[in-house]
Amino acid sequence: MPPVKRAPTPGKKAGRAKAASNTASKAATLPLRKSSQLRRVSPAVIDLGELNNHLGYFVRRIQVWIFQDFIRRLARIDISPAQFSVLVIIGANEGLSQSELAGTLGIERARLVRMLHLLDRRGLTERLPSTADGRRHALRLTRAGQAHLKQAKALAAQHEVNLLPKLGAERYRMLLDALREV
């Protein structure tokens, strides 16, 4: 049997409204900060504490900064960074299997399958039966996929050029060399 709902008594409802009003008036009477205290604190002034000694913190910060620009550029042709990586690897390794591609890029196989379905539906990639093993698919770009990849590579090149003045050519080269070795 469902519980019986009781109508609130007028006193209780009025009491709740009065309590809410008291809370609001207390908040309104709190002293406001003087305008000089409301100035934004410069990021250079904020102490990062122990984060200054954590490579992962800075790698993540630069990754976010880089990806924001990269995502913005590739959005012009409706390609995500992950899709770009998939197209580049397939373009450079025609006939690659799905599992080889997933392993190379560190993408979960289920996620890669969904992405390949999307790229197939867009007419950018195709999965053909492998001549070496009938149980696997050989991946390749379609003509439309090759054309789309060409556009994406041009946008990616603009993105990389955009990083140079922000990082400096020497620091850019050093970071790239160091991270290739990892």
Protein backbone atom coordinates (compact mmCIF):
# COMPACT_ATOMS: atom_id res chain seq x y z
CA MET A 1 0.00 0.00 0.00
CA PRO A 2 1.50 3.39 -0.96
CA PRO A 3 2.27 5.82 1.86
CA VAL A 4 -0.29 8.49 2.53
CA LYS A 5 0.86 11.99 1.59
CA ARG A 6 -0.08 14.63 4.08
CA ALA A 7 -0.59 18.24 3.17
CA PRO A 8 1.88 20.53 4.94
CA THR A 9 0.43 22.46 7.79
CA PRO A 10 0.41 26.23 7.30
CA GLY A 11 2.71 26.76 10.25
CA LYS A 12 5.43 24.42 8.93
CA LYS A 13 5.43 25.95 5.46
CA ALA A 14 5.61 29.45 6.86
CA GLY A 15 8.40 28.36 9.21
CA ARG A 16 10.44 27.03 6.28
CA ALA A 17 9.93 30.23 4.30
CA LYS A 18 10.99 32.30 7.33
CA ALA A 19 14.13 30.16 7.82
CA ALA A 20 15.06 30.57 4.16
CA SER A 21 14.49 34.31 4.45
CA ASN A 22 16.73 34.46 7.55
CA THR A 23 19.49 32.56 5.73
CA ALA A 24 19.27 34.92 2.76
CA SER A 25 19.35 37.99 4.97
CA LYS A 26 22.38 36.65 6.89
CA ALA A 27 24.21 36.15 3.59
CA ALA A 28 23.26 39.67 2.53
CA THR A 29 24.71 41.12 5.73
CA LEU A 30 28.10 39.46 5.33
CA PRO A 31 30.78 42.06 4.73
CA LEU A 32 31.75 42.43 1.10
CA ARG A 33 35.37 42.52 0.08
CA LYS A 34 36.77 45.84 -0.88
CA SER A 35 37.30 46.23 -4.61
CA SER A 36 41.08 46.21 -4.14
CA GLN A 37 40.78 42.66 -2.77
CA LEU A 38 38.78 41.48 -5.78
CA ARG A 39 41.65 41.87 -8.23
CA ARG A 40 42.65 38.70 -10.00
CA VAL A 41 45.77 37.03 -8.74
CA SER A 42 48.39 36.64 -11.43
CA PRO A 43 49.19 32.97 -12.21
CA ALA A 44 52.89 33.80 -11.71
CA VAL A 45 52.13 34.66 -8.06
CA ILE A 46 50.46 31.34 -7.26
CA ASP A 47 52.86 28.87 -5.67
CA LEU A 48 52.56 25.43 -7.26
CA GLY A 49 54.17 23.84 -4.25
CA GLU A 50 55.11 20.21 -4.77
CA LEU A 51 53.67 20.28 -8.32
CA ASN A 52 56.86 22.07 -9.39
CA ASN A 53 58.62 18.73 -8.95
CA HIS A 54 56.15 16.59 -10.91
CA LEU A 55 56.81 16.05 -14.59
CA GLY A 56 53.32 14.61 -15.07
CA TYR A 57 51.74 17.89 -14.00
CA PHE A 58 53.61 19.86 -16.65
CA VAL A 59 53.20 17.20 -19.33
CA ARG A 60 49.45 17.27 -18.75
CA ARG A 61 49.33 21.09 -18.84
CA ILE A 62 51.20 21.24 -22.14
CA GLN A 63 49.10 18.38 -23.54
CA VAL A 64 45.88 20.27 -22.78
CA TRP A 65 47.28 23.48 -24.23
CA ILE A 66 48.45 21.72 -27.41
CA PHE A 67 45.25 19.71 -27.86
CA GLN A 68 43.02 22.77 -27.55
CA ASP A 69 44.65 24.30 -30.61
CA PHE A 70 44.82 20.97 -32.46
CA ILE A 71 41.13 20.19 -31.83
CA ARG A 72 40.14 23.69 -32.96
CA ARG A 73 42.07 23.33 -36.23
CA LEU A 74 40.84 19.83 -37.08
CA ALA A 75 37.24 20.77 -36.28
CA ARG A 76 37.22 22.65 -39.59
CA ILE A 77 37.08 19.29 -41.37
CA ASP A 78 35.23 17.36 -38.65
CA ILE A 79 38.16 15.17 -37.54
CA SER A 80 39.14 14.48 -33.93
CA PRO A 81 42.78 14.03 -32.88
CA ALA A 82 42.16 10.28 -32.39
CA GLN A 83 40.62 9.98 -35.86
CA PHE A 84 43.55 11.92 -37.29
CA SER A 85 45.97 9.44 -35.70
CA VAL A 86 44.02 6.49 -37.09
CA LEU A 87 43.96 7.98 -40.60
CA VAL A 88 47.69 8.78 -40.50
CA ILE A 89 48.67 5.26 -39.37
CA ILE A 90 46.38 3.55 -41.90
CA GLY A 91 47.65 5.87 -44.65
CA ALA A 92 51.25 5.01 -43.83
CA ASN A 93 50.57 1.25 -43.36
CA GLU A 94 47.94 0.07 -45.82
CA GLY A 95 46.73 -3.42 -44.99
CA LEU A 96 47.33 -3.04 -41.25
CA SER A 97 44.98 -5.09 -39.06
CA GLN A 98 42.63 -3.59 -36.48
CA SER A 99 44.54 -5.22 -33.61
CA GLU A 100 47.88 -3.91 -34.93
CA LEU A 101 46.41 -0.42 -35.20
CA ALA A 102 44.90 -0.60 -31.70
CA GLY A 103 48.22 -1.76 -30.26
CA THR A 104 50.22 0.92 -32.07
CA LEU A 105 48.01 3.77 -30.88
CA GLY A 106 47.16 2.34 -27.46
CA ILE A 107 43.43 2.47 -28.22
CA GLU A 108 41.00 -0.05 -26.72
CA ARG A 109 39.93 -2.44 -29.47
CA ALA A 110 36.21 -1.82 -28.82
CA ARG A 111 36.71 1.94 -29.06
CA LEU A 112 38.74 1.53 -32.24
CA VAL A 113 36.01 -0.62 -33.81
CA ARG A 114 33.44 2.12 -33.12
CA MET A 115 35.76 4.72 -34.62
CA LEU A 116 36.39 2.58 -37.71
CA HIS A 117 32.62 2.15 -38.18
CA LEU A 118 32.27 5.93 -38.12
CA LEU A 119 35.15 6.44 -40.56
CA ASP A 120 33.75 3.69 -42.82
CA ARG A 121 30.29 5.33 -42.82
CA ARG A 122 31.91 8.64 -43.75
CA GLY A 123 33.60 6.89 -46.66
CA LEU A 124 37.14 7.59 -45.37
CA THR A 125 38.31 4.06 -44.59
CA GLU A 126 37.44 0.54 -45.57
CA ARG A 127 38.06 -2.89 -44.11
CA LEU A 128 38.88 -5.57 -46.61
CA PRO A 129 39.42 -9.28 -45.99
CA SER A 130 43.10 -9.90 -45.35
CA THR A 131 44.92 -12.02 -47.94
CA ALA A 132 47.24 -13.30 -45.18
CA ASP A 133 44.56 -14.28 -42.64
CA GLY A 134 40.86 -14.62 -43.42
CA ARG A 135 39.94 -13.90 -39.78
CA ARG A 136 41.22 -10.33 -39.85
CA HIS A 137 40.56 -7.17 -41.82
CA ALA A 138 43.11 -5.19 -43.78
CA LEU A 139 42.58 -1.47 -43.32
CA ARG A 140 43.02 1.14 -45.99
CA LEU A 141 41.98 4.67 -46.83
CA THR A 142 39.50 5.32 -49.60
CA ARG A 143 40.20 8.06 -52.15
CA ALA A 144 38.01 10.37 -50.06
CA GLY A 145 39.99 9.31 -46.98
CA GLN A 146 43.27 10.13 -48.71
CA ALA A 147 41.96 13.57 -49.70
CA HIS A 148 40.62 14.19 -46.18
CA LEU A 149 43.92 13.10 -44.66
CA LYS A 150 45.78 15.49 -46.94
CA GLN A 151 43.65 18.37 -45.61
CA ALA A 152 44.11 17.17 -42.04
CA LYS A 153 47.89 16.97 -42.45
CA ALA A 154 47.97 20.54 -43.75
CA LEU A 155 46.00 21.72 -40.70
CA ALA A 156 48.25 19.67 -38.39
CA ALA A 157 51.32 21.26 -40.00
CA GLN A 158 49.85 24.73 -39.31
CA HIS A 159 49.28 23.65 -35.73
CA GLU A 160 52.91 22.56 -35.34
CA VAL A 161 54.16 25.84 -36.84
CA ASN A 162 51.95 27.67 -34.33
CA LEU A 163 53.74 25.89 -31.46
CA LEU A 164 57.21 27.10 -32.45
CA PRO A 165 56.90 30.73 -31.30
CA LYS A 166 55.25 29.61 -28.05
CA LEU A 167 57.86 26.98 -27.16
CA GLY A 168 60.86 28.20 -29.09
CA ALA A 169 62.45 26.12 -31.85
CA GLU A 170 65.15 24.61 -29.63
CA ARG A 171 62.77 23.65 -26.82
CA TYR A 172 60.28 22.25 -29.37
CA ARG A 173 62.99 20.04 -30.90
CA MET A 174 64.28 18.91 -27.50
CA LEU A 175 60.78 17.98 -26.28
CA LEU A 176 60.01 16.09 -29.47
CA ASP A 177 63.30 14.18 -29.35
CA ALA A 178 62.94 13.35 -25.65
CA LEU A 179 59.34 12.15 -25.97
CA ARG A 180 60.07 10.02 -29.06
CA GLU A 181 62.48 7.98 -26.93
CA VAL A 182 59.93 7.19 -24.22
